[in-house]
Amino acid sequence: MIILRNIVILGCRTFNEIADGAPGLSRGLLSKRLRELERAGVLEIRPKPDGPGSIYQPTQAGREFAEVMVALQHWGSRWADLTPEQAHPGVVLWMWVTFYLDRDRLPRRRVLVRFDYPTLSGPGSRGWLLVERGDAEVCEKHPGGEEHLVVVIADHVAFAKWHLGELRWGDALRSGAIEVHGARTLARNLPTWHRGHQRGPQPLHGVESPNHSNSAAARFA
């Protein structure tokens, strides 16, 4: 479901884009699942026209299945409780930066924000948000330079609910679910870099998702 969501709803088209939104899934297993989706007739895999690698494009069957996925996600957002397993903070950060970033509000200077996930261990226990030249990206390794903010995500579900518009940033700070350390002005501006869910996600490659304005399309599982 996550792989199809990334391709059909969010518009991911390259292997790396799909993999970024599916943490915990090995690249070998992801490749196998993509081939299975191709054999099932919901995905077309074509060579990249301008270099090595492949393009992953939904077929007509895959595009029609998107309506089913949105309906299921809408049902889940209304009736199912979000669990920590469904709210990996790395995915939440990736969703925010890739699809819900308000670039007009980004600082014009280089800014590096570290996100710590103390309840996780290993390489996925932190990530970095690098803002540079009017854009931003998520980095799995330190990209170099000074860290201007450190954001500690103690409660994964609270971070996900903030991203979905179900919890205010200030309430998450007061409860201790999220902590921010660093320059006060930058810390105050950080949550304003998130575009509202009522505006819908910004799919990659200009792909419009069905029921585009529905925030259910941005659920994590």
Protein backbone atom coordinates (compact mmCIF):
# COMPACT_ATOMS: atom_id res chain seq x y z
CA MET A 1 0.00 0.00 0.00
CA ILE A 2 2.82 2.43 0.88
CA ILE A 3 4.62 1.75 -2.40
CA LEU A 4 1.44 2.34 -4.40
CA ARG A 5 0.66 5.47 -2.40
CA ASN A 6 4.07 6.91 -3.20
CA ILE A 7 3.65 6.23 -6.93
CA VAL A 8 -0.06 6.71 -7.60
CA ILE A 9 -1.04 9.44 -5.13
CA LEU A 10 2.19 11.30 -4.38
CA GLY A 11 3.68 11.07 -7.86
CA CYS A 12 7.03 9.43 -7.07
CA ARG A 13 8.60 8.21 -10.31
CA THR A 14 12.17 7.14 -9.53
CA PHE A 15 13.40 4.28 -7.36
CA ASN A 16 15.02 6.66 -4.86
CA GLU A 17 11.87 8.77 -4.53
CA ILE A 18 9.80 5.66 -3.82
CA ALA A 19 12.40 4.31 -1.38
CA ASP A 20 12.59 7.60 0.55
CA GLY A 21 8.91 7.25 1.44
CA ALA A 22 9.23 3.60 2.51
CA PRO A 23 11.76 3.47 5.38
CA GLY A 24 12.51 0.03 6.76
CA LEU A 25 11.94 -1.58 3.38
CA SER A 26 15.21 -2.87 1.93
CA ARG A 27 16.08 -1.83 -1.59
CA GLY A 28 16.12 -5.47 -2.66
CA LEU A 29 12.62 -6.10 -1.30
CA LEU A 30 11.37 -2.84 -2.81
CA SER A 31 12.70 -3.88 -6.23
CA LYS A 32 10.92 -7.23 -5.87
CA ARG A 33 7.61 -5.56 -4.90
CA LEU A 34 7.85 -3.17 -7.84
CA ARG A 35 8.27 -6.10 -10.24
CA GLU A 36 5.27 -7.80 -8.66
CA LEU A 37 3.18 -4.68 -9.19
CA GLU A 38 4.33 -4.60 -12.81
CA ARG A 39 3.23 -8.23 -13.29
CA ALA A 40 -0.11 -7.40 -11.64
CA GLY A 41 -0.71 -4.78 -14.30
CA VAL A 42 -0.90 -1.72 -12.04
CA LEU A 43 2.60 -0.41 -12.80
CA GLU A 44 4.69 0.15 -15.91
CA ILE A 45 8.49 0.18 -15.60
CA ARG A 46 10.36 1.98 -18.38
CA PRO A 47 14.05 2.92 -18.81
CA LYS A 48 14.91 6.53 -18.04
CA PRO A 49 15.23 8.46 -21.31
CA ASP A 50 18.17 10.53 -20.06
CA GLY A 51 20.35 8.10 -18.12
CA PRO A 52 20.57 4.89 -16.10
CA GLY A 53 17.68 3.69 -13.98
CA SER A 54 13.95 3.29 -14.50
CA ILE A 55 10.76 5.31 -14.42
CA TYR A 56 7.80 3.84 -12.52
CA GLN A 57 4.48 4.91 -14.03
CA PRO A 58 1.00 3.73 -12.94
CA THR A 59 -1.12 2.06 -15.61
CA GLN A 60 -4.79 2.86 -16.08
CA ALA A 61 -5.58 0.14 -13.53
CA GLY A 62 -3.16 1.74 -11.08
CA ARG A 63 -4.65 5.20 -11.55
CA GLU A 64 -8.16 3.87 -10.97
CA PHE A 65 -6.99 2.07 -7.82
CA ALA A 66 -5.95 5.46 -6.45
CA GLU A 67 -9.61 6.24 -5.73
CA VAL A 68 -9.81 3.09 -3.61
CA MET A 69 -6.66 4.03 -1.71
CA VAL A 70 -7.91 7.54 -0.96
CA ALA A 71 -11.23 6.13 0.27
CA LEU A 72 -9.41 3.67 2.56
CA GLN A 73 -7.13 6.39 3.89
CA HIS A 74 -10.08 8.69 4.48
CA TRP A 75 -11.82 5.90 6.41
CA GLY A 76 -8.67 5.32 8.44
CA SER A 77 -8.29 9.01 9.29
CA ARG A 78 -11.84 9.06 10.61
CA TRP A 79 -12.12 5.73 12.41
CA ALA A 80 -8.65 4.31 13.10
CA ASP A 81 -6.22 5.65 15.70
CA LEU A 82 -2.77 6.60 14.47
CA THR A 83 -0.14 4.35 16.07
CA PRO A 84 3.62 4.86 16.50
CA GLU A 85 4.22 2.12 13.92
CA GLN A 86 2.29 4.19 11.36
CA ALA A 87 3.97 7.46 12.30
CA HIS A 88 7.68 7.00 11.66
CA PRO A 89 9.09 10.51 12.24
CA GLY A 90 11.46 10.15 9.30
CA VAL A 91 8.49 9.60 6.99
CA VAL A 92 6.62 12.52 8.54
CA LEU A 93 9.62 14.78 7.94
CA TRP A 94 9.96 13.48 4.37
CA MET A 95 6.24 14.07 3.71
CA TRP A 96 6.48 17.60 5.10
CA VAL A 97 9.55 18.62 3.12
CA THR A 98 8.62 16.84 -0.11
CA PHE A 99 4.90 17.62 -0.33
CA TYR A 100 3.91 20.22 2.29
CA LEU A 101 6.79 22.69 2.36
CA ASP A 102 5.88 26.36 2.06
CA ARG A 103 8.95 27.53 0.18
CA ASP A 104 7.84 31.16 0.29
CA ARG A 105 8.42 31.15 4.05
CA LEU A 106 11.88 29.58 4.02
CA PRO A 107 14.84 31.67 5.19
CA ARG A 108 17.06 32.93 2.40
CA ARG A 109 20.26 31.96 4.17
CA ARG A 110 21.55 28.41 4.66
CA VAL A 111 19.92 26.75 7.66
CA LEU A 112 20.49 23.26 9.03
CA VAL A 113 18.00 21.66 11.43
CA ARG A 114 18.70 18.33 13.12
CA PHE A 115 15.76 16.08 14.04
CA ASP A 116 16.42 13.56 16.82
CA TYR A 117 14.16 10.55 17.44
CA PRO A 118 15.30 9.30 20.89
CA THR A 119 12.92 6.32 20.95
CA LEU A 120 14.60 4.90 17.83
CA SER A 121 18.09 3.45 17.47
CA GLY A 122 20.54 3.06 14.64
CA PRO A 123 20.93 5.17 11.49
CA GLY A 124 17.22 6.09 11.42
CA SER A 125 17.32 7.75 14.83
CA ARG A 126 17.98 11.21 13.39
CA GLY A 127 17.76 13.21 10.20
CA TRP A 128 18.59 16.69 8.94
CA LEU A 129 16.56 19.34 7.19
CA LEU A 130 18.82 21.45 4.99
CA VAL A 131 17.47 24.77 3.73
CA GLU A 132 19.52 26.33 0.97
CA ARG A 133 18.89 28.66 -1.98
CA GLY A 134 15.13 28.86 -1.43
CA ASP A 135 14.59 25.11 -1.24
CA ALA A 136 15.00 22.29 1.28
CA GLU A 137 15.87 18.63 1.42
CA VAL A 138 15.99 15.83 3.99
CA CYS A 139 19.45 14.35 4.61
CA GLU A 140 20.10 11.00 6.25
CA LYS A 141 23.71 12.00 6.99
CA HIS A 142 25.08 15.27 8.32
CA PRO A 143 25.58 17.48 5.24
CA GLY A 144 28.25 19.58 6.92
CA GLY A 145 28.12 23.00 8.48
CA GLU A 146 26.67 24.44 11.64
CA GLU A 147 23.42 23.08 13.08
CA HIS A 148 21.12 26.01 13.83
CA LEU A 149 18.27 24.09 15.48
CA VAL A 150 17.83 20.70 17.14
CA VAL A 151 14.30 19.28 17.19
CA VAL A 152 13.69 16.33 19.52
CA ILE A 153 10.65 14.22 18.60
CA ALA A 154 9.78 12.35 21.79
CA ASP A 155 6.27 11.41 20.64
CA HIS A 156 6.02 10.18 17.04
CA VAL A 157 2.23 10.26 16.98
CA ALA A 158 2.14 13.88 18.15
CA PHE A 159 4.56 14.89 15.38
CA ALA A 160 2.40 13.09 12.82
CA LYS A 161 -0.78 14.69 14.17
CA TRP A 162 0.82 18.12 13.92
CA HIS A 163 1.76 17.40 10.31
CA LEU A 164 -1.83 16.32 9.59
CA GLY A 165 -3.25 19.45 11.18
CA GLU A 166 -4.74 17.58 14.13
CA LEU A 167 -2.46 19.09 16.81
CA ARG A 168 -1.05 22.57 17.29
CA TRP A 169 2.71 22.99 17.38
CA GLY A 170 2.47 24.98 20.61
CA ASP A 171 0.47 22.22 22.30
CA ALA A 172 3.06 19.64 21.22
CA LEU A 173 5.81 21.80 22.75
CA ARG A 174 3.92 22.35 26.01
CA SER A 175 3.26 18.63 26.41
CA GLY A 176 6.92 17.74 25.85
CA ALA A 177 6.09 15.69 22.76
CA ILE A 178 8.41 17.96 20.75
CA GLU A 179 11.36 20.00 21.98
CA VAL A 180 13.22 22.65 19.99
CA HIS A 181 16.68 23.92 20.95
CA GLY A 182 18.50 26.78 19.26
CA ALA A 183 17.92 30.30 17.99
CA ARG A 184 14.58 31.53 19.33
CA THR A 185 13.44 33.36 16.20
CA LEU A 186 14.27 30.40 13.97
CA ALA A 187 12.53 28.02 16.38
CA ARG A 188 9.42 30.19 16.30
CA ASN A 189 9.40 30.29 12.48
CA LEU A 190 10.05 26.58 11.90
CA PRO A 191 6.40 25.37 12.01
CA THR A 192 5.33 28.14 9.63
CA TRP A 193 7.31 26.41 6.87
CA HIS A 194 4.50 23.83 6.71
CA ARG A 195 1.76 24.56 4.16
CA GLY A 196 -1.76 23.82 5.34
CA HIS A 197 -3.34 20.49 4.48
CA GLN A 198 -6.40 22.26 3.15
CA ARG A 199 -4.18 23.28 0.22
CA GLY A 200 -3.36 19.63 -0.45
CA PRO A 201 0.03 18.04 -1.14
CA GLN A 202 2.31 19.11 -3.96
CA PRO A 203 2.74 15.84 -5.92
CA LEU A 204 6.07 15.26 -7.59
CA HIS A 205 6.48 15.79 -11.33
CA GLY A 206 3.23 17.74 -11.62
CA VAL A 207 1.04 14.70 -10.93
CA GLU A 208 -2.37 15.53 -9.56
CA SER A 209 -3.70 13.04 -7.06
CA PRO A 210 -7.40 12.11 -6.91
CA ASN A 211 -9.35 14.05 -4.30
CA HIS A 212 -6.25 16.21 -4.18
CA SER A 213 -7.47 18.51 -1.42
CA ASN A 214 -8.25 15.66 0.95
CA SER A 215 -5.63 15.40 3.70
CA ALA A 216 -6.38 11.70 4.00
CA ALA A 217 -4.10 11.18 1.02
CA ALA A 218 -1.18 12.12 3.24
CA ARG A 219 -1.71 9.45 5.91
CA PHE A 220 1.28 7.26 6.49
CA ALA A 221 0.01 3.68 6.20
